[in-house]
Protein backbone atom coordinates (compact mmCIF):
# COMPACT_ATOMS: atom_id res chain seq x y z
CA MET A 1 2.58 -47.40 -91.88
CA THR A 2 0.24 -44.70 -91.40
CA LEU A 3 -2.67 -44.39 -93.78
CA ASP A 4 -4.91 -41.44 -94.56
CA GLU A 5 -8.36 -42.24 -92.93
CA ALA A 6 -9.98 -42.29 -96.32
CA GLU A 7 -7.59 -45.01 -97.48
CA PHE A 8 -7.76 -47.06 -94.10
CA SER A 9 -9.53 -50.26 -94.44
CA LEU A 10 -9.06 -53.61 -93.07
CA PRO A 11 -10.51 -56.17 -95.32
CA ALA A 12 -8.50 -59.16 -94.16
CA SER A 13 -9.24 -58.23 -90.53
CA ARG A 14 -12.81 -58.11 -91.25
CA ALA A 15 -12.76 -61.54 -92.91
CA ALA A 16 -10.95 -62.74 -89.86
CA ASN A 17 -13.56 -61.27 -87.53
CA GLU A 18 -16.23 -63.32 -89.24
CA ARG A 19 -14.31 -66.42 -88.99
CA LEU A 20 -13.78 -65.66 -85.18
CA HIS A 21 -17.56 -64.89 -84.62
CA ALA A 22 -18.49 -68.05 -86.42
CA LEU A 23 -16.43 -70.15 -84.29
CA ILE A 24 -15.85 -68.49 -80.92
CA PRO A 25 -18.69 -66.76 -79.02
CA GLY A 26 -18.02 -63.02 -79.06
CA GLY A 27 -15.46 -63.45 -81.73
CA ALA A 28 -12.65 -63.39 -78.93
CA HIS A 29 -11.58 -65.15 -75.77
CA THR A 30 -11.77 -62.06 -73.57
CA TYR A 31 -14.95 -59.63 -73.73
CA ALA A 32 -12.55 -56.67 -73.70
CA LYS A 33 -10.89 -57.85 -76.89
CA GLY A 34 -14.20 -57.86 -78.71
CA ASP A 35 -14.62 -55.87 -81.76
CA ASP A 36 -17.64 -54.11 -80.29
CA GLN A 37 -14.89 -52.27 -78.29
CA TYR A 38 -13.69 -50.72 -81.64
CA PRO A 39 -15.16 -48.57 -84.25
CA GLU A 40 -17.38 -50.41 -86.75
CA ASP A 41 -15.05 -52.34 -89.47
CA LEU A 42 -12.20 -51.02 -87.74
CA ALA A 43 -11.11 -53.80 -85.31
CA PRO A 44 -7.84 -55.09 -86.41
CA VAL A 45 -6.86 -58.68 -85.87
CA ILE A 46 -3.19 -59.17 -85.00
CA SER A 47 -0.78 -61.19 -86.79
CA HIS A 48 2.32 -60.74 -84.56
CA GLY A 49 4.04 -58.37 -82.29
CA ARG A 50 7.58 -57.31 -81.31
CA GLY A 51 8.42 -54.96 -78.49
CA ALA A 52 5.93 -52.18 -78.35
CA HIS A 53 4.66 -52.80 -82.00
CA VAL A 54 2.11 -55.12 -83.49
CA TRP A 55 1.02 -55.93 -86.95
CA ASP A 56 -2.48 -56.70 -88.09
CA VAL A 57 -3.24 -59.42 -90.79
CA ASP A 58 -3.70 -56.62 -93.26
CA GLY A 59 -0.15 -55.53 -93.00
CA ASN A 60 -0.52 -52.30 -90.93
CA ARG A 61 1.77 -51.64 -87.97
CA TYR A 62 0.65 -49.95 -84.82
CA ILE A 63 2.20 -48.54 -81.78
CA GLU A 64 0.40 -50.67 -79.08
CA TYR A 65 -0.76 -49.71 -75.63
CA GLY A 66 -2.59 -51.76 -72.90
CA SER A 67 -1.01 -54.90 -74.50
CA GLY A 68 -2.63 -57.93 -73.47
CA LEU A 69 -4.99 -56.31 -71.12
CA ARG A 70 -1.77 -55.00 -69.33
CA SER A 71 -0.24 -58.30 -69.10
CA VAL A 72 2.66 -57.59 -71.52
CA SER A 73 4.61 -54.89 -69.50
CA LEU A 74 8.03 -55.67 -71.03
CA GLY A 75 7.00 -55.81 -74.78
CA HIS A 76 6.07 -58.70 -77.11
CA ALA A 77 8.68 -61.49 -77.55
CA HIS A 78 10.88 -60.07 -74.90
CA PRO A 79 14.22 -62.02 -75.41
CA CYS A 80 14.97 -62.75 -71.88
CA VAL A 81 11.55 -64.29 -71.22
CA ASN A 82 11.43 -65.98 -74.41
CA GLU A 83 14.82 -67.53 -73.65
CA ALA A 84 13.66 -68.86 -70.29
CA VAL A 85 10.60 -70.20 -71.75
CA ARG A 86 12.45 -72.02 -74.66
CA ARG A 87 14.95 -73.56 -72.24
CA GLU A 88 12.06 -75.09 -69.97
CA ILE A 89 10.02 -76.23 -73.08
CA GLU A 90 12.80 -78.37 -74.42
CA ARG A 91 12.82 -80.04 -70.66
CA GLY A 92 9.05 -80.95 -70.71
CA SER A 93 6.24 -78.75 -69.48
CA ASN A 94 4.05 -80.95 -67.21
CA PHE A 95 4.65 -84.00 -65.10
CA ALA A 96 3.05 -86.43 -62.78
CA ARG A 97 4.61 -84.98 -59.80
CA PRO A 98 5.77 -81.37 -58.86
CA SER A 99 8.87 -80.10 -60.86
CA ILE A 100 11.67 -78.54 -59.04
CA ILE A 101 10.92 -75.45 -60.77
CA GLU A 102 7.77 -74.99 -58.70
CA ALA A 103 9.86 -74.62 -55.67
CA GLU A 104 12.46 -72.36 -57.58
CA ALA A 105 9.42 -70.06 -58.81
CA ALA A 106 7.69 -70.12 -55.30
CA GLU A 107 11.20 -68.84 -53.70
CA ARG A 108 11.60 -66.21 -56.50
CA PHE A 109 8.06 -64.95 -55.92
CA LEU A 110 8.36 -64.68 -52.26
CA ALA A 111 11.59 -63.13 -52.44
CA THR A 112 9.78 -60.33 -54.66
CA VAL A 113 6.73 -60.15 -52.31
CA PRO A 114 8.16 -60.53 -48.99
CA THR A 115 4.90 -59.51 -47.26
CA ALA A 116 3.63 -63.08 -48.15
CA GLU A 117 4.75 -66.38 -46.64
CA MET A 118 3.32 -68.87 -49.05
CA VAL A 119 2.28 -68.95 -52.81
CA LYS A 120 0.29 -71.04 -55.12
CA PHE A 121 0.28 -70.56 -58.88
CA ALA A 122 -2.61 -70.78 -61.39
CA LYS A 123 -3.22 -69.70 -64.93
CA ASN A 124 -5.88 -66.93 -64.57
CA GLY A 125 -6.69 -64.11 -62.35
CA SER A 126 -10.16 -65.38 -61.75
CA ASP A 127 -8.52 -68.75 -60.48
CA VAL A 128 -6.84 -67.06 -57.71
CA THR A 129 -9.36 -64.35 -56.70
CA THR A 130 -11.85 -67.01 -56.35
CA ALA A 131 -9.57 -69.18 -54.45
CA ALA A 132 -9.07 -66.23 -52.02
CA VAL A 133 -12.76 -65.92 -51.47
CA ARG A 134 -13.09 -69.65 -50.86
CA LEU A 135 -10.28 -69.62 -48.41
CA ALA A 136 -11.63 -66.47 -46.50
CA ARG A 137 -15.14 -68.13 -46.23
CA ALA A 138 -13.52 -71.26 -44.87
CA VAL A 139 -11.35 -69.79 -42.19
CA THR A 140 -14.00 -67.39 -40.99
CA GLY A 141 -17.06 -69.61 -41.22
CA ARG A 142 -18.83 -66.69 -42.94
CA PRO A 143 -20.89 -66.50 -46.24
CA ARG A 144 -20.58 -62.96 -47.43
CA VAL A 145 -18.05 -61.33 -49.63
CA ALA A 146 -17.56 -57.48 -49.73
CA ILE A 147 -16.04 -56.25 -53.01
CA CYS A 148 -14.92 -52.78 -53.68
CA GLY A 149 -17.93 -51.38 -55.74
CA ASP A 150 -15.68 -48.66 -57.45
CA HIS A 151 -13.21 -51.31 -59.11
CA PRO A 152 -14.61 -52.83 -62.49
CA PHE A 153 -13.55 -56.54 -62.34
CA PHE A 154 -12.59 -59.23 -60.03
CA SER A 155 -13.40 -62.60 -61.35
CA VAL A 156 -15.43 -64.41 -64.06
CA ASP A 157 -17.01 -66.63 -61.36
CA ASP A 158 -20.48 -66.19 -59.99
CA TRP A 159 -19.69 -64.54 -56.65
CA PHE A 160 -18.81 -61.40 -58.90
CA ILE A 161 -20.35 -61.73 -62.18
CA GLY A 162 -23.64 -62.04 -60.63
CA THR A 163 -23.35 -58.29 -59.53
CA THR A 164 -22.82 -57.12 -63.13
CA PRO A 165 -25.31 -56.45 -65.88
CA MET A 166 -24.47 -59.78 -67.43
CA SER A 167 -25.68 -61.92 -64.59
CA ALA A 168 -27.58 -64.34 -66.76
CA GLY A 169 -27.32 -67.82 -65.53
CA ILE A 170 -26.23 -67.03 -61.82
CA PRO A 171 -28.77 -67.70 -59.12
CA GLY A 172 -30.06 -64.58 -57.11
CA ALA A 173 -29.10 -66.56 -53.82
CA ILE A 174 -25.46 -66.41 -54.91
CA THR A 175 -25.44 -62.88 -55.67
CA GLU A 176 -27.12 -61.78 -52.57
CA LEU A 177 -24.00 -62.94 -50.63
CA THR A 178 -21.84 -60.29 -52.38
CA VAL A 179 -22.08 -56.85 -51.08
CA SER A 180 -20.09 -53.72 -51.83
CA PHE A 181 -18.15 -50.73 -50.16
CA PRO A 182 -16.96 -47.52 -51.91
CA TYR A 183 -13.28 -47.07 -52.31
CA GLY A 184 -11.78 -44.50 -49.94
CA ASP A 185 -14.82 -44.22 -47.67
CA LEU A 186 -13.78 -46.17 -44.20
CA ALA A 187 -16.91 -44.79 -42.34
CA ALA A 188 -19.08 -46.45 -45.16
CA THR A 189 -17.13 -49.69 -44.97
CA GLU A 190 -17.63 -49.79 -41.25
CA GLU A 191 -21.09 -49.27 -41.37
CA LEU A 192 -21.27 -52.26 -43.88
CA LEU A 193 -19.37 -54.54 -41.70
CA ALA A 194 -21.70 -53.42 -38.67
CA ARG A 195 -24.77 -53.99 -40.87
CA TYR A 196 -23.75 -57.62 -41.70
CA ALA A 197 -21.93 -58.16 -38.28
CA GLY A 198 -20.28 -61.53 -38.22
CA GLU A 199 -21.23 -62.37 -41.79
CA VAL A 200 -18.46 -60.82 -44.01
CA ALA A 201 -15.73 -63.30 -44.79
CA CYS A 202 -13.63 -60.83 -46.59
CA LEU A 203 -12.80 -57.26 -47.92
CA ILE A 204 -11.45 -57.66 -51.40
CA LEU A 205 -10.35 -54.68 -53.51
CA GLU A 206 -7.65 -53.23 -55.66
CA PRO A 207 -5.18 -51.18 -53.69
CA GLY A 208 -4.87 -48.61 -56.46
CA GLU A 209 -4.28 -45.01 -55.43
CA PRO A 210 -5.20 -44.72 -51.68
CA ALA A 211 -5.51 -41.54 -49.66
CA PRO A 212 -3.11 -41.37 -46.84
CA GLY A 213 -4.25 -43.93 -44.01
CA TYR A 214 -6.98 -45.64 -45.95
CA LEU A 215 -5.28 -48.92 -46.52
CA GLU A 216 -4.12 -48.83 -42.80
CA GLY A 217 -7.75 -48.04 -41.87
CA LEU A 218 -9.03 -50.93 -43.97
CA ARG A 219 -6.40 -53.36 -42.30
CA ALA A 220 -7.68 -52.09 -38.83
CA LEU A 221 -11.38 -52.54 -39.94
CA ALA A 222 -10.65 -56.19 -41.17
CA ASP A 223 -8.81 -57.04 -37.95
CA ARG A 224 -11.49 -55.50 -35.63
CA HIS A 225 -14.52 -57.28 -37.61
CA GLY A 226 -12.63 -60.52 -38.00
CA CYS A 227 -12.60 -60.60 -41.64
CA VAL A 228 -9.89 -61.38 -44.18
CA LEU A 229 -8.20 -58.46 -46.14
CA VAL A 230 -7.64 -59.36 -49.73
CA PHE A 231 -5.57 -57.22 -52.23
CA ASP A 232 -6.34 -57.89 -55.84
CA GLU A 233 -2.83 -56.95 -57.21
CA MET A 234 -3.49 -58.03 -60.78
CA ILE A 235 -2.85 -54.56 -62.12
CA THR A 236 -0.78 -53.05 -59.18
CA GLY A 237 1.49 -56.09 -59.07
CA LEU A 238 4.90 -55.14 -60.52
CA ARG A 239 3.52 -51.74 -62.21
CA TRP A 240 3.17 -50.10 -58.80
CA SER A 241 6.33 -51.74 -57.36
CA GLU A 242 7.90 -55.02 -57.74
CA ALA A 243 6.02 -56.14 -54.60
CA GLY A 244 2.93 -54.53 -55.84
CA ALA A 245 0.93 -51.88 -53.97
CA GLN A 246 1.36 -53.59 -50.60
CA GLY A 247 5.08 -53.05 -51.07
CA LEU A 248 4.94 -49.58 -52.11
CA PHE A 249 2.48 -48.40 -49.40
CA GLY A 250 3.50 -50.77 -46.55
CA VAL A 251 0.11 -52.31 -45.74
CA THR A 252 0.25 -56.15 -45.69
CA PRO A 253 -2.86 -58.09 -46.58
CA ASP A 254 -3.96 -61.52 -45.50
CA LEU A 255 -4.21 -62.57 -49.09
CA SER A 256 -3.16 -61.01 -52.29
CA THR A 257 -3.59 -62.29 -55.86
CA PHE A 258 -1.06 -61.43 -58.81
CA GLY A 259 -1.23 -62.13 -62.43
CA LYS A 260 -1.17 -59.97 -65.79
CA ALA A 261 2.55 -58.34 -65.78
CA LEU A 262 3.71 -61.39 -63.81
CA GLY A 263 4.18 -63.51 -67.01
CA ASN A 264 4.74 -60.81 -69.67
CA GLY A 265 1.72 -62.47 -71.66
CA PHE A 266 2.34 -66.10 -70.55
CA ALA A 267 -0.40 -67.62 -68.49
CA VAL A 268 0.47 -67.40 -64.87
CA SER A 269 -1.07 -66.03 -61.67
CA ALA A 270 -0.55 -66.25 -58.05
CA LEU A 271 -2.46 -66.56 -54.74
CA ALA A 272 -0.07 -65.44 -51.85
CA GLY A 273 -0.44 -64.74 -48.18
CA ARG A 274 -0.08 -65.69 -44.62
CA ARG A 275 0.90 -69.30 -43.75
CA GLU A 276 -1.67 -69.74 -41.28
CA LEU A 277 -4.34 -69.19 -43.95
CA MET A 278 -2.66 -70.71 -46.84
CA GLU A 279 -1.57 -73.89 -45.32
CA ARG A 280 -5.43 -74.65 -44.78
CA GLY A 281 -5.17 -75.54 -48.44
CA GLY A 282 -2.33 -77.96 -47.84
CA LEU A 283 -1.52 -81.26 -45.97
CA ARG A 284 0.22 -79.95 -42.97
CA HIS A 285 -2.56 -78.65 -40.66
CA PRO A 286 -4.97 -80.40 -38.41
CA GLY A 287 -8.17 -78.45 -39.41
CA GLU A 288 -10.78 -79.12 -42.02
CA ARG A 289 -9.15 -79.13 -45.55
CA VAL A 290 -10.15 -76.47 -48.13
CA PHE A 291 -9.90 -77.28 -51.79
CA LEU A 292 -7.77 -74.18 -52.39
CA LEU A 293 -6.36 -74.52 -55.99
CA SER A 294 -5.93 -77.62 -57.96
CA THR A 295 -5.16 -76.97 -61.70
CA THR A 296 -3.77 -79.18 -64.32
CA HIS A 297 -1.81 -76.72 -65.92
CA GLY A 298 -1.03 -74.16 -63.08
CA ALA A 299 2.49 -75.28 -62.65
CA GLU A 300 3.43 -75.52 -66.21
CA THR A 301 7.24 -75.34 -66.31
CA HIS A 302 7.43 -72.62 -69.24
CA ALA A 303 5.00 -70.47 -67.66
CA LEU A 304 6.73 -70.28 -64.17
CA ALA A 305 10.08 -69.79 -65.93
CA ALA A 306 8.47 -66.78 -67.84
CA ALA A 307 7.51 -65.46 -64.24
CA MET A 308 10.89 -65.88 -62.83
CA ALA A 309 12.49 -64.14 -65.90
CA VAL A 310 10.01 -61.19 -65.56
CA GLN A 311 10.82 -60.66 -61.85
CA THR A 312 14.47 -60.74 -62.65
CA THR A 313 14.16 -58.40 -65.53
CA TYR A 314 12.29 -55.93 -63.23
CA THR A 315 14.63 -56.24 -60.63
CA GLU A 316 17.98 -55.91 -62.74
CA GLU A 317 16.76 -53.27 -65.06
CA GLY A 318 14.42 -51.10 -62.94
CA ILE A 319 11.42 -51.64 -65.06
CA THR A 320 8.71 -50.05 -62.71
CA ALA A 321 10.81 -46.93 -62.72
CA GLN A 322 11.00 -47.11 -66.44
CA LEU A 323 7.30 -47.59 -66.83
CA HIS A 324 6.64 -44.46 -64.58
CA ALA A 325 9.01 -42.45 -66.86
CA ILE A 326 7.52 -43.48 -70.03
CA GLY A 327 3.85 -42.88 -68.60
CA ASP A 328 4.90 -39.36 -67.27
CA ARG A 329 6.26 -38.47 -70.88
CA LEU A 330 3.18 -39.70 -72.49
CA ALA A 331 0.70 -38.17 -70.08
CA ALA A 332 2.45 -34.87 -70.43
CA GLY A 333 2.31 -34.94 -74.19
CA VAL A 334 -1.20 -36.09 -74.60
CA ARG A 335 -2.41 -33.23 -72.03
CA ALA A 336 -0.52 -30.63 -73.86
CA ALA A 337 -1.70 -31.86 -77.32
CA ALA A 338 -5.42 -32.02 -75.95
CA ALA A 339 -4.96 -28.35 -74.41
CA GLY A 340 -3.45 -27.06 -77.56
CA MET A 341 -6.49 -28.36 -79.78
CA GLY A 342 -8.93 -26.78 -77.09
CA VAL A 343 -10.16 -30.28 -75.88
CA GLY A 344 -8.25 -30.39 -72.72
CA GLU A 345 -11.18 -30.74 -70.55
CA HIS A 346 -12.63 -33.34 -72.84
CA VAL A 347 -9.78 -35.78 -73.51
CA VAL A 348 -8.61 -36.37 -70.13
CA VAL A 349 -5.62 -38.73 -68.88
CA ARG A 350 -6.03 -40.37 -65.67
CA GLY A 351 -4.17 -42.73 -63.44
CA ARG A 352 -0.82 -43.76 -62.19
CA ALA A 353 1.84 -43.15 -64.79
CA SER A 354 2.53 -46.90 -65.28
CA ASN A 355 -1.23 -47.55 -65.73
CA LEU A 356 -2.77 -44.65 -67.55
CA VAL A 357 -6.25 -44.66 -69.06
CA PHE A 358 -8.23 -41.83 -70.80
CA ALA A 359 -11.64 -40.41 -70.76
CA THR A 360 -13.52 -39.04 -73.58
CA LEU A 361 -16.17 -36.40 -72.65
CA ASP A 362 -18.99 -34.80 -74.44
CA GLU A 363 -20.11 -31.19 -74.62
CA GLN A 364 -21.50 -31.40 -70.94
CA GLY A 365 -18.40 -33.18 -69.48
CA ARG A 366 -20.07 -36.40 -69.42
CA PRO A 367 -18.37 -39.75 -70.44
CA SER A 368 -19.20 -40.59 -74.13
CA GLN A 369 -18.92 -43.73 -76.00
CA GLU A 370 -19.66 -41.75 -79.16
CA TYR A 371 -16.63 -39.43 -78.58
CA ARG A 372 -14.57 -42.45 -77.49
CA THR A 373 -15.39 -44.15 -80.91
CA LEU A 374 -14.27 -40.91 -82.69
CA PHE A 375 -11.08 -40.80 -80.79
CA LEU A 376 -10.08 -44.47 -81.10
CA ARG A 377 -10.87 -44.08 -84.92
CA GLN A 378 -8.48 -41.36 -85.38
CA LEU A 379 -5.81 -43.12 -83.37
CA LEU A 380 -6.17 -46.39 -85.50
CA THR A 381 -5.82 -44.70 -88.76
CA GLY A 382 -2.84 -42.90 -87.43
CA GLY A 383 -1.28 -46.12 -86.46
CA VAL A 384 -1.84 -46.28 -82.67
CA LEU A 385 -3.73 -49.15 -81.15
CA ALA A 386 -4.66 -47.76 -77.70
CA PRO A 387 -7.77 -49.02 -75.78
CA SER A 388 -6.01 -47.37 -72.90
CA PHE A 389 -2.68 -45.57 -72.45
CA VAL A 390 -1.09 -48.36 -70.38
CA VAL A 391 2.56 -48.28 -71.37
CA SER A 392 5.05 -51.11 -71.72
CA SER A 393 8.92 -50.76 -71.09
CA ALA A 394 9.56 -51.43 -74.98
CA LEU A 395 8.07 -48.24 -75.98
CA THR A 396 10.88 -45.70 -77.09
CA ASP A 397 10.82 -41.77 -76.86
CA ALA A 398 10.10 -41.89 -80.73
CA ASP A 399 6.94 -44.16 -80.25
CA VAL A 400 5.66 -41.85 -77.35
CA ASP A 401 6.41 -38.79 -79.63
CA ARG A 402 4.73 -40.23 -82.64
CA THR A 403 1.60 -40.96 -80.40
CA VAL A 404 1.24 -37.60 -79.29
CA GLU A 405 1.34 -36.37 -82.76
CA VAL A 406 -1.60 -38.70 -83.56
CA VAL A 407 -3.31 -37.70 -80.42
CA ALA A 408 -3.03 -34.14 -81.54
CA GLU A 409 -4.45 -34.93 -85.05
CA ALA A 410 -7.28 -36.93 -83.20
CA CYS A 411 -8.00 -33.84 -80.94
CA ALA A 412 -8.43 -31.52 -83.86
CA VAL A 413 -11.28 -33.75 -85.13
CA TYR A 414 -12.56 -33.74 -81.54
CA ARG A 415 -12.75 -30.08 -81.65
CA LYS A 416 -14.69 -30.00 -84.78
CA ALA A 417 -17.08 -32.38 -83.64
CA LEU A 418 -17.63 -30.48 -80.21
CA ASP A 419 -18.10 -27.32 -82.24
CA ALA A 420 -20.68 -29.10 -84.39
CA GLY A 421 -22.28 -30.37 -81.23
CA ASP A 422 -22.70 -33.93 -82.67
CA PRO A 423 -19.71 -36.60 -83.29
CA THR A 424 -22.03 -38.78 -85.59
CA PRO A 425 -20.41 -37.82 -88.77
CA TRP A 426 -16.99 -38.78 -87.53
CA LEU A 427 -17.94 -42.05 -86.29
CA GLY A 428 -18.03 -44.25 -89.30
CA GLY A 429 -20.70 -46.53 -87.83
CA ARG A 430 -22.29 -47.53 -84.45
CA PRO A 431 -20.32 -46.29 -81.27
CA VAL A 432 -18.25 -48.57 -79.32
CA LYS A 433 -20.01 -50.42 -76.44
CA PRO A 434 -19.40 -51.04 -72.85
CA VAL A 435 -18.28 -54.53 -71.95
CA PHE A 436 -20.94 -55.09 -69.16
CA ARG A 437 -24.31 -55.02 -70.81
CA SER A 438 -27.34 -57.14 -70.63
CA ARG A 439 -27.91 -57.15 -74.39
CA ALA A 440 -25.72 -57.64 -77.54
């Protein structure tokens, strides 16, 4: 249901948030889901979801975007995924030896991502990005990691978090071993590799939306300087193509990491890559062993079944193309609504159609947390839960059209705030905050 803003309150959600904060640091298990990311007293706590809709504990229904931090790309409780999971749970989920489904899931994954030769599964994205870094350091004998400084997140582990404003508890000696390069700038990357000649173990980045020749140039740089090229395909995997960005752009990394959409909300991630490198974490090579990945729950049968069902659904139903078509419709509608209300230069939709985000800009065209708060508040009261505009294939044309209507209403309020030169009267409390900050 949609409520007038004056009537929109979330008493049950507020009480639930208090319970969460009393028991869980930050009130959530992922910082990006924290109530500081939402307008004050308007952070819904979810009861359940189906398809592209979720319901909060107050009984309000929302059209949802960015589901599960981009992990739920088929919609909640997808019947094919649920049936595959249900079938495996009835057979047991974890054993003293590998299950045959581990071989089946590996074969299915490598058929989907043919640029890789071996794969190892885990539960979280951080598990596999850190394993990639460790493996790169082992095979090169080098200490430094070069991350793309324009990409927001790679891991919860020290080698990355030490570079953020939330670096408390991480020794400086570890942080000093991580250096950064700018996305799209081959000359700057080559200068970095020359400055730390013989020290950089790997280049790790999200392949994203490269200019022509950029990924090919990185491939050549990595080869020339003897470092490992790692594609973080957490976001691009399946959403860009079934085989990720590497499949779309035709550039093969040495290692790549997948997660998010791979399990449609179930916990599964993957490290994949060249046999020569991956086997260093195995039992069939003569060199020094690498403790690559060893996770108690990494091969839970139901999560691997979910991953196989997701890949099958993507292939049989053309999900990637659906995501792009839905995203194109949404982006066009939002841009038209913003332009129609005179805020087209302030509410800006960006990104690939399957992975849309929005920027909220102030009177001077600068990113603004205050205007983001205003915008989110209007969306929520209109029944749209949208920390981003990342779509799922469960969204219908009617969902998208309703979203555009709510965006138009939000943009009308946005225009009033711009004309007043101050969004404060429309915030309803403190502004939303960035995830990475040193103080609460």
